[in-house]
Amino acid sequence: MMSASRSIPYGFRSLLECLARAALLAQPDNLEQFMCTHITNMVRSRVEDCNDPKEVAFSHQEQWERMILKPPPPEAHGALNVCILGDTLSR
């Protein structure tokens, strides 16, 4: 009987984990297109001296999350508060 760990290519689990996390965070309307774009960008972001698929996947995931999950600028936060406060006061 063949072990499951022997049949899964090295780094595949890491790639799937990163892809699943990105899809859950982004909640894309077109999942297939999102996956294709995300993996393409991951391959493009690979640095020349790094060929380890786990490192490539996690490095890209960190960069992507910093871009996607960055907090809004303080001005936007203030405008949101004014909007919410204005809506509350108008009732």
PDB file of N, CA and C in Angstrom:
ATOM      1  N   MET A   1       0.844  -1.185   0.000  1.00  0.00           N
ATOM      2  CA  MET A   1       0.000   0.000   0.000  1.00  0.00           C
ATOM      3  C   MET A   1       0.888   1.247   0.000  1.00  0.00           C
ATOM      4  N   MET A   2       0.579   2.204  -0.864  1.00  0.00           N
ATOM      5  CA  MET A   2       1.377   3.421  -0.982  1.00  0.00           C
ATOM      6  C   MET A   2       0.923   4.464   0.039  1.00  0.00           C
ATOM      7  N   SER A   3       1.872   5.090   0.697  1.00  0.00           N
ATOM      8  CA  SER A   3       1.580   6.133   1.669  1.00  0.00           C
ATOM      9  C   SER A   3       1.103   7.393   0.949  1.00  0.00           C
ATOM     10  N   ALA A   4       0.118   8.082   1.545  1.00  0.00           N
ATOM     11  CA  ALA A   4      -0.409   9.311   0.946  1.00  0.00           C
ATOM     12  C   ALA A   4       0.661  10.387   0.872  1.00  0.00           C
ATOM     13  N   SER A   5       1.548  10.427   1.860  1.00  0.00           N
ATOM     14  CA  SER A   5       2.583  11.460   1.861  1.00  0.00           C
ATOM     15  C   SER A   5       3.577  11.270   0.720  1.00  0.00           C
ATOM     16  N   ARG A   6       3.727  10.052   0.230  1.00  0.00           N
ATOM     17  CA  ARG A   6       4.631   9.800  -0.894  1.00  0.00           C
ATOM     18  C   ARG A   6       3.992  10.187  -2.223  1.00  0.00           C
ATOM     19  N   SER A   7       2.684  10.194  -2.306  1.00  0.00           N
ATOM     20  CA  SER A   7       2.033  10.485  -3.578  1.00  0.00           C
ATOM     21  C   SER A   7       1.767  11.980  -3.774  1.00  0.00           C
ATOM     22  N   ILE A   8       1.893  12.782  -2.734  1.00  0.00           N
ATOM     23  CA  ILE A   8       1.669  14.225  -2.841  1.00  0.00           C
ATOM     24  C   ILE A   8       3.008  14.910  -3.097  1.00  0.00           C
ATOM     25  N   PRO A   9       3.127  15.661  -4.183  1.00  0.00           N
ATOM     26  CA  PRO A   9       4.401  16.326  -4.483  1.00  0.00           C
ATOM     27  C   PRO A   9       4.787  17.327  -3.392  1.00  0.00           C
ATOM     28  N   TYR A  10       6.084  17.460  -3.186  1.00  0.00           N
ATOM     29  CA  TYR A  10       6.607  18.383  -2.189  1.00  0.00           C
ATOM     30  C   TYR A  10       6.124  19.807  -2.495  1.00  0.00           C
ATOM     31  N   GLY A  11       5.591  20.468  -1.497  1.00  0.00           N
ATOM     32  CA  GLY A  11       5.140  21.849  -1.625  1.00  0.00           C
ATOM     33  C   GLY A  11       3.694  22.001  -2.051  1.00  0.00           C
ATOM     34  N   PHE A  12       3.066  20.921  -2.517  1.00  0.00           N
ATOM     35  CA  PHE A  12       1.690  21.004  -3.013  1.00  0.00           C
ATOM     36  C   PHE A  12       0.718  21.389  -1.902  1.00  0.00           C
ATOM     37  N   ARG A  13       0.882  20.795  -0.729  1.00  0.00           N
ATOM     38  CA  ARG A  13       0.010  21.104   0.408  1.00  0.00           C
ATOM     39  C   ARG A  13       0.133  22.585   0.783  1.00  0.00           C
ATOM     40  N   SER A  14       1.352  23.112   0.812  1.00  0.00           N
ATOM     41  CA  SER A  14       1.566  24.527   1.137  1.00  0.00           C
ATOM     42  C   SER A  14       0.900  25.427   0.104  1.00  0.00           C
ATOM     43  N   LEU A  15       1.043  25.069  -1.163  1.00  0.00           N
ATOM     44  CA  LEU A  15       0.413  25.835  -2.234  1.00  0.00           C
ATOM     45  C   LEU A  15      -1.105  25.858  -2.059  1.00  0.00           C
ATOM     46  N   LEU A  16      -1.696  24.704  -1.789  1.00  0.00           N
ATOM     47  CA  LEU A  16      -3.147  24.636  -1.611  1.00  0.00           C
ATOM     48  C   LEU A  16      -3.609  25.423  -0.389  1.00  0.00           C
ATOM     49  N   GLU A  17      -2.848  25.349   0.710  1.00  0.00           N
ATOM     50  CA  GLU A  17      -3.205  26.102   1.915  1.00  0.00           C
ATOM     51  C   GLU A  17      -3.198  27.601   1.637  1.00  0.00           C
ATOM     52  N   CYS A  18      -2.165  28.072   0.965  1.00  0.00           N
ATOM     53  CA  CYS A  18      -2.062  29.500   0.650  1.00  0.00           C
ATOM     54  C   CYS A  18      -3.164  29.933  -0.313  1.00  0.00           C
ATOM     55  N   LEU A  19      -3.448  29.116  -1.295  1.00  0.00           N
ATOM     56  CA  LEU A  19      -4.494  29.423  -2.260  1.00  0.00           C
ATOM     57  C   LEU A  19      -5.868  29.450  -1.586  1.00  0.00           C
ATOM     58  N   ALA A  20      -6.128  28.486  -0.718  1.00  0.00           N
ATOM     59  CA  ALA A  20      -7.408  28.445  -0.011  1.00  0.00           C
ATOM     60  C   ALA A  20      -7.567  29.658   0.903  1.00  0.00           C
ATOM     61  N   ARG A  21      -6.513  30.018   1.619  1.00  0.00           N
ATOM     62  CA  ARG A  21      -6.573  31.189   2.507  1.00  0.00           C
ATOM     63  C   ARG A  21      -6.854  32.458   1.703  1.00  0.00           C
ATOM     64  N   ALA A  22      -6.169  32.616   0.582  1.00  0.00           N
ATOM     65  CA  ALA A  22      -6.378  33.796  -0.262  1.00  0.00           C
ATOM     66  C   ALA A  22      -7.817  33.848  -0.774  1.00  0.00           C
ATOM     67  N   ALA A  23      -8.347  32.714  -1.200  1.00  0.00           N
ATOM     68  CA  ALA A  23      -9.722  32.675  -1.707  1.00  0.00           C
ATOM     69  C   ALA A  23     -10.724  32.996  -0.602  1.00  0.00           C
ATOM     70  N   LEU A  24     -10.484  32.502   0.603  1.00  0.00           N
ATOM     71  CA  LEU A  24     -11.385  32.797   1.717  1.00  0.00           C
ATOM     72  C   LEU A  24     -11.342  34.273   2.093  1.00  0.00           C
ATOM     73  N   LEU A  25     -10.166  34.870   2.057  1.00  0.00           N
ATOM     74  CA  LEU A  25     -10.042  36.289   2.392  1.00  0.00           C
ATOM     75  C   LEU A  25     -10.622  37.182   1.298  1.00  0.00           C
ATOM     76  N   ALA A  26     -10.388  36.835   0.042  1.00  0.00           N
ATOM     77  CA  ALA A  26     -10.823  37.678  -1.079  1.00  0.00           C
ATOM     78  C   ALA A  26     -12.301  37.492  -1.429  1.00  0.00           C
ATOM     79  N   GLN A  27     -12.856  36.301  -1.179  1.00  0.00           N
ATOM     80  CA  GLN A  27     -14.242  35.995  -1.539  1.00  0.00           C
ATOM     81  C   GLN A  27     -14.534  36.414  -2.994  1.00  0.00           C
ATOM     82  N   PRO A  28     -13.767  35.889  -3.959  1.00  0.00           N
ATOM     83  CA  PRO A  28     -13.941  36.318  -5.356  1.00  0.00           C
ATOM     84  C   PRO A  28     -15.261  35.827  -5.946  1.00  0.00           C
ATOM     85  N   ASP A  29     -15.801  36.613  -6.879  1.00  0.00           N
ATOM     86  CA  ASP A  29     -17.015  36.198  -7.586  1.00  0.00           C
ATOM     87  C   ASP A  29     -16.722  35.050  -8.545  1.00  0.00           C
ATOM     88  N   ASN A  30     -15.549  35.089  -9.172  1.00  0.00           N
ATOM     89  CA  ASN A  30     -15.152  34.056 -10.129  1.00  0.00           C
ATOM     90  C   ASN A  30     -13.951  33.313  -9.541  1.00  0.00           C
ATOM     91  N   LEU A  31     -14.209  32.241  -8.842  1.00  0.00           N
ATOM     92  CA  LEU A  31     -13.167  31.499  -8.133  1.00  0.00           C
ATOM     93  C   LEU A  31     -12.103  30.946  -9.078  1.00  0.00           C
ATOM     94  N   GLU A  32     -12.526  30.393 -10.203  1.00  0.00           N
ATOM     95  CA  GLU A  32     -11.564  29.803 -11.137  1.00  0.00           C
ATOM     96  C   GLU A  32     -10.589  30.856 -11.664  1.00  0.00           C
ATOM     97  N   GLN A  33     -11.110  32.022 -12.034  1.00  0.00           N
ATOM     98  CA  GLN A  33     -10.252  33.102 -12.539  1.00  0.00           C
ATOM     99  C   GLN A  33      -9.323  33.599 -11.434  1.00  0.00           C
ATOM    100  N   PHE A  34      -9.842  33.713 -10.212  1.00  0.00           N
ATOM    101  CA  PHE A  34      -9.025  34.152  -9.081  1.00  0.00           C
ATOM    102  C   PHE A  34      -7.871  33.184  -8.854  1.00  0.00           C
ATOM    103  N   MET A  35      -8.172  31.877  -8.860  1.00  0.00           N
ATOM    104  CA  MET A  35      -7.133  30.874  -8.634  1.00  0.00           C
ATOM    105  C   MET A  35      -6.063  30.937  -9.722  1.00  0.00           C
ATOM    106  N   CYS A  36      -6.492  31.054 -10.961  1.00  0.00           N
ATOM    107  CA  CYS A  36      -5.548  31.124 -12.080  1.00  0.00           C
ATOM    108  C   CYS A  36      -4.645  32.351 -11.942  1.00  0.00           C
ATOM    109  N   THR A  37      -5.232  33.492 -11.655  1.00  0.00           N
ATOM    110  CA  THR A  37      -4.466  34.734 -11.502  1.00  0.00           C
ATOM    111  C   THR A  37      -3.537  34.663 -10.306  1.00  0.00           C
ATOM    112  N   HIS A  38      -4.032  34.129  -9.198  1.00  0.00           N
ATOM    113  CA  HIS A  38      -3.232  34.065  -7.970  1.00  0.00           C
ATOM    114  C   HIS A  38      -2.004  33.163  -8.166  1.00  0.00           C
ATOM    115  N   ILE A  39      -2.196  32.016  -8.771  1.00  0.00           N
ATOM    116  CA  ILE A  39      -1.070  31.101  -8.998  1.00  0.00           C
ATOM    117  C   ILE A  39      -0.092  31.697 -10.016  1.00  0.00           C
ATOM    118  N   THR A  40      -0.608  32.338 -11.056  1.00  0.00           N
ATOM    119  CA  THR A  40       0.269  32.986 -12.039  1.00  0.00           C
ATOM    120  C   THR A  40       1.118  34.058 -11.371  1.00  0.00           C
ATOM    121  N   ASN A  41       0.499  34.879 -10.524  1.00  0.00           N
ATOM    122  CA  ASN A  41       1.243  35.919  -9.804  1.00  0.00           C
ATOM    123  C   ASN A  41       2.253  35.320  -8.837  1.00  0.00           C
ATOM    124  N   MET A  42       1.899  34.197  -8.239  1.00  0.00           N
ATOM    125  CA  MET A  42       2.817  33.528  -7.318  1.00  0.00           C
ATOM    126  C   MET A  42       4.073  33.074  -8.066  1.00  0.00           C
ATOM    127  N   VAL A  43       3.886  32.490  -9.231  1.00  0.00           N
ATOM    128  CA  VAL A  43       5.025  32.029 -10.029  1.00  0.00           C
ATOM    129  C   VAL A  43       5.872  33.220 -10.473  1.00  0.00           C
ATOM    130  N   ARG A  44       5.232  34.309 -10.862  1.00  0.00           N
ATOM    131  CA  ARG A  44       5.966  35.505 -11.307  1.00  0.00           C
ATOM    132  C   ARG A  44       6.733  36.169 -10.171  1.00  0.00           C
ATOM    133  N   SER A  45       6.225  36.064  -8.947  1.00  0.00           N
ATOM    134  CA  SER A  45       6.873  36.732  -7.813  1.00  0.00           C
ATOM    135  C   SER A  45       8.048  35.936  -7.258  1.00  0.00           C
ATOM    136  N   ARG A  46       8.228  34.733  -7.748  1.00  0.00           N
ATOM    137  CA  ARG A  46       9.319  33.879  -7.276  1.00  0.00           C
ATOM    138  C   ARG A  46      10.655  34.547  -7.571  1.00  0.00           C
ATOM    139  N   VAL A  47      11.511  34.565  -6.562  1.00  0.00           N
ATOM    140  CA  VAL A  47      12.849  35.136  -6.766  1.00  0.00           C
ATOM    141  C   VAL A  47      13.760  34.067  -7.355  1.00  0.00           C
ATOM    142  N   GLU A  48      14.780  34.504  -8.065  1.00  0.00           N
ATOM    143  CA  GLU A  48      15.651  33.564  -8.779  1.00  0.00           C
ATOM    144  C   GLU A  48      16.327  32.545  -7.876  1.00  0.00           C
ATOM    145  N   ASP A  49      16.753  32.964  -6.694  1.00  0.00           N
ATOM    146  CA  ASP A  49      17.507  32.054  -5.830  1.00  0.00           C
ATOM    147  C   ASP A  49      16.614  31.170  -4.964  1.00  0.00           C
ATOM    148  N   CYS A  50      15.304  31.287  -5.115  1.00  0.00           N
ATOM    149  CA  CYS A  50      14.388  30.480  -4.295  1.00  0.00           C
ATOM    150  C   CYS A  50      13.581  29.553  -5.195  1.00  0.00           C
ATOM    151  N   ASN A  51      13.881  28.275  -5.119  1.00  0.00           N
ATOM    152  CA  ASN A  51      13.139  27.292  -5.899  1.00  0.00           C
ATOM    153  C   ASN A  51      12.302  26.373  -5.027  1.00  0.00           C
ATOM    154  N   ASP A  52      12.326  26.592  -3.710  1.00  0.00           N
ATOM    155  CA  ASP A  52      11.544  25.770  -2.794  1.00  0.00           C
ATOM    156  C   ASP A  52      10.077  26.190  -2.906  1.00  0.00           C
ATOM    157  N   PRO A  53       9.194  25.301  -3.371  1.00  0.00           N
ATOM    158  CA  PRO A  53       7.795  25.676  -3.570  1.00  0.00           C
ATOM    159  C   PRO A  53       7.100  26.145  -2.292  1.00  0.00           C
ATOM    160  N   LYS A  54       7.489  25.599  -1.137  1.00  0.00           N
ATOM    161  CA  LYS A  54       6.882  26.047   0.122  1.00  0.00           C
ATOM    162  C   LYS A  54       7.247  27.496   0.406  1.00  0.00           C
ATOM    163  N   GLU A  55       8.524  27.829   0.239  1.00  0.00           N
ATOM    164  CA  GLU A  55       8.966  29.203   0.485  1.00  0.00           C
ATOM    165  C   GLU A  55       8.320  30.169  -0.501  1.00  0.00           C
ATOM    166  N   VAL A  56       8.215  29.771  -1.747  1.00  0.00           N
ATOM    167  CA  VAL A  56       7.589  30.622  -2.759  1.00  0.00           C
ATOM    168  C   VAL A  56       6.130  30.870  -2.396  1.00  0.00           C
ATOM    169  N   ALA A  57       5.403  29.817  -2.025  1.00  0.00           N
ATOM    170  CA  ALA A  57       3.985  29.950  -1.687  1.00  0.00           C
ATOM    171  C   ALA A  57       3.789  30.866  -0.489  1.00  0.00           C
ATOM    172  N   PHE A  58       4.527  30.641   0.584  1.00  0.00           N
ATOM    173  CA  PHE A  58       4.329  31.434   1.793  1.00  0.00           C
ATOM    174  C   PHE A  58       4.832  32.867   1.626  1.00  0.00           C
ATOM    175  N   SER A  59       5.889  33.065   0.872  1.00  0.00           N
ATOM    176  CA  SER A  59       6.391  34.416   0.616  1.00  0.00           C
ATOM    177  C   SER A  59       5.363  35.224  -0.175  1.00  0.00           C
ATOM    178  N   HIS A  60       4.808  34.608  -1.209  1.00  0.00           N
ATOM    179  CA  HIS A  60       3.787  35.290  -2.008  1.00  0.00           C
ATOM    180  C   HIS A  60       2.556  35.571  -1.154  1.00  0.00           C
ATOM    181  N   GLN A  61       2.169  34.624  -0.310  1.00  0.00           N
ATOM    182  CA  GLN A  61       0.996  34.805   0.539  1.00  0.00           C
ATOM    183  C   GLN A  61       1.186  35.990   1.476  1.00  0.00           C
ATOM    184  N   GLU A  62       2.368  36.115   2.069  1.00  0.00           N
ATOM    185  CA  GLU A  62       2.638  37.245   2.962  1.00  0.00           C
ATOM    186  C   GLU A  62       2.536  38.566   2.205  1.00  0.00           C
ATOM    187  N   GLN A  63       3.115  38.631   1.014  1.00  0.00           N
ATOM    188  CA  GLN A  63       3.053  39.857   0.213  1.00  0.00           C
ATOM    189  C   GLN A  63       1.610  40.176  -0.167  1.00  0.00           C
ATOM    190  N   TRP A  64       0.875  39.186  -0.585  1.00  0.00           N
ATOM    191  CA  TRP A  64      -0.504  39.376  -1.014  1.00  0.00           C
ATOM    192  C   TRP A  64      -1.363  39.854   0.152  1.00  0.00           C
ATOM    193  N   GLU A  65      -1.215  39.230   1.327  1.00  0.00           N
ATOM    194  CA  GLU A  65      -2.011  39.628   2.486  1.00  0.00           C
ATOM    195  C   GLU A  65      -1.681  41.045   2.937  1.00  0.00           C
ATOM    196  N   ARG A  66      -0.407  41.432   2.875  1.00  0.00           N
ATOM    197  CA  ARG A  66      -0.053  42.816   3.232  1.00  0.00           C
ATOM    198  C   ARG A  66      -0.760  43.795   2.298  1.00  0.00           C
ATOM    199  N   MET A  67      -0.860  43.441   1.035  1.00  0.00           N
ATOM    200  CA  MET A  67      -1.508  44.320   0.066  1.00  0.00           C
ATOM    201  C   MET A  67      -3.028  44.354   0.280  1.00  0.00           C
ATOM    202  N   ILE A  68      -3.621  43.191   0.487  1.00  0.00           N
ATOM    203  CA  ILE A  68      -5.073  43.088   0.611  1.00  0.00           C
ATOM    204  C   ILE A  68      -5.577  43.554   1.973  1.00  0.00           C
ATOM    205  N   LEU A  69      -4.874  43.208   3.029  1.00  0.00           N
ATOM    206  CA  LEU A  69      -5.355  43.465   4.385  1.00  0.00           C
ATOM    207  C   LEU A  69      -4.807  44.735   5.012  1.00  0.00           C
ATOM    208  N   LYS A  70      -4.171  45.607   4.213  1.00  0.00           N
ATOM    209  CA  LYS A  70      -3.628  46.823   4.804  1.00  0.00           C
ATOM    210  C   LYS A  70      -4.779  47.678   5.327  1.00  0.00           C
ATOM    211  N   PRO A  71      -4.574  48.330   6.481  1.00  0.00           N
ATOM    212  CA  PRO A  71      -5.648  49.136   7.056  1.00  0.00           C
ATOM    213  C   PRO A  71      -5.935  50.357   6.181  1.00  0.00           C
ATOM    214  N   PRO A  72      -7.171  50.852   6.220  1.00  0.00           N
ATOM    215  CA  PRO A  72      -7.494  52.032   5.421  1.00  0.00           C
ATOM    216  C   PRO A  72      -6.751  53.250   5.955  1.00  0.00           C
ATOM    217  N   PRO A  73      -6.504  54.244   5.100  1.00  0.00           N
ATOM    218  CA  PRO A  73      -5.817  55.441   5.573  1.00  0.00           C
ATOM    219  C   PRO A  73      -6.657  56.153   6.630  1.00  0.00           C
ATOM    220  N   PRO A  74      -6.017  56.897   7.539  1.00  0.00           N
ATOM    221  CA  PRO A  74      -6.756  57.572   8.619  1.00  0.00           C
ATOM    222  C   PRO A  74      -7.871  58.477   8.104  1.00  0.00           C
ATOM    223  N   GLU A  75      -7.665  59.136   6.945  1.00  0.00           N
ATOM    224  CA  GLU A  75      -8.712  60.010   6.411  1.00  0.00           C
ATOM    225  C   GLU A  75      -9.980  59.229   6.095  1.00  0.00           C
ATOM    226  N   ALA A  76      -9.817  58.045   5.538  1.00  0.00           N
ATOM    227  CA  ALA A  76     -10.972  57.218   5.187  1.00  0.00           C
ATOM    228  C   ALA A  76     -11.695  56.776   6.441  1.00  0.00           C
ATOM    229  N   HIS A  77     -10.957  56.461   7.486  1.00  0.00           N
ATOM    230  CA  HIS A  77     -11.574  56.041   8.742  1.00  0.00           C
ATOM    231  C   HIS A  77     -12.385  57.189   9.329  1.00  0.00           C
ATOM    232  N   GLY A  78     -11.839  58.394   9.303  1.00  0.00           N
ATOM    233  CA  GLY A  78     -12.549  59.564   9.813  1.00  0.00           C
ATOM    234  C   GLY A  78     -13.807  59.840   9.016  1.00  0.00           C
ATOM    235  N   ALA A  79     -13.726  59.707   7.698  1.00  0.00           N
ATOM    236  CA  ALA A  79     -14.882  59.942   6.845  1.00  0.00           C
ATOM    237  C   ALA A  79     -15.965  58.911   7.119  1.00  0.00           C
ATOM    238  N   LEU A  80     -15.570  57.695   7.378  1.00  0.00           N
ATOM    239  CA  LEU A  80     -16.530  56.645   7.686  1.00  0.00           C
ATOM    240  C   LEU A  80     -17.248  56.957   8.988  1.00  0.00           C
ATOM    241  N   ASN A  81     -16.511  57.407   9.994  1.00  0.00           N
ATOM    242  CA  ASN A  81     -17.124  57.756  11.271  1.00  0.00           C
ATOM    243  C   ASN A  81     -18.121  58.890  11.104  1.00  0.00           C
ATOM    244  N   VAL A  82     -17.786  59.895  10.315  1.00  0.00           N
ATOM    245  CA  VAL A  82     -18.682  61.021  10.082  1.00  0.00           C
ATOM    246  C   VAL A  82     -19.943  60.534   9.395  1.00  0.00           C
ATOM    247  N   CYS A  83     -19.773  59.671   8.421  1.00  0.00           N
ATOM    248  CA  CYS A  83     -20.899  59.132   7.683  1.00  0.00           C
ATOM    249  C   CYS A  83     -21.826  58.348   8.607  1.00  0.00           C
ATOM    250  N   ILE A  84     -21.264  57.503   9.427  1.00  0.00           N
ATOM    251  CA  ILE A  84     -22.062  56.707  10.358  1.00  0.00           C
ATOM    252  C   ILE A  84     -22.731  57.613  11.374  1.00  0.00           C
ATOM    253  N   LEU A  85     -21.985  58.568  11.909  1.00  0.00           N
ATOM    254  CA  LEU A  85     -22.528  59.490  12.896  1.00  0.00           C
ATOM    255  C   LEU A  85     -23.635  60.324  12.269  1.00  0.00           C
ATOM    256  N   GLY A  86     -23.417  60.815  11.042  1.00  0.00           N
ATOM    257  CA  GLY A  86     -24.429  61.610  10.348  1.00  0.00           C
ATOM    258  C   GLY A  86     -25.696  60.810  10.122  1.00  0.00           C
ATOM    259  N   ASP A  87     -25.557  59.547   9.750  1.00  0.00           N
ATOM    260  CA  ASP A  87     -26.707  58.682   9.523  1.00  0.00           C
ATOM    261  C   ASP A  87     -27.451  58.447  10.828  1.00  0.00           C
ATOM    262  N   THR A  88     -26.710  58.263  11.913  1.00  0.00           N
ATOM    263  CA  THR A  88     -27.322  58.027  13.215  1.00  0.00           C
ATOM    264  C   THR A  88     -28.063  59.273  13.679  1.00  0.00           C
ATOM    265  N   LEU A  89     -27.475  60.441  13.471  1.00  0.00           N
ATOM    266  CA  LEU A  89     -28.088  61.686  13.918  1.00  0.00           C
ATOM    267  C   LEU A  89     -29.327  62.037  13.113  1.00  0.00           C
ATOM    268  N   SER A  90     -29.403  61.598  11.870  1.00  0.00           N
ATOM    269  CA  SER A  90     -30.542  61.956  11.033  1.00  0.00           C
ATOM    270  C   SER A  90     -31.789  61.144  11.363  1.00  0.00           C
ATOM    271  N   ARG A  91     -31.657  60.122  12.155  1.00  0.00           N
ATOM    272  CA  ARG A  91     -32.825  59.277  12.486  1.00  0.00           C
ATOM    273  C   ARG A  91     -33.612  59.822  13.605  1.00  0.00           C
TER     274      ARG A  91
END
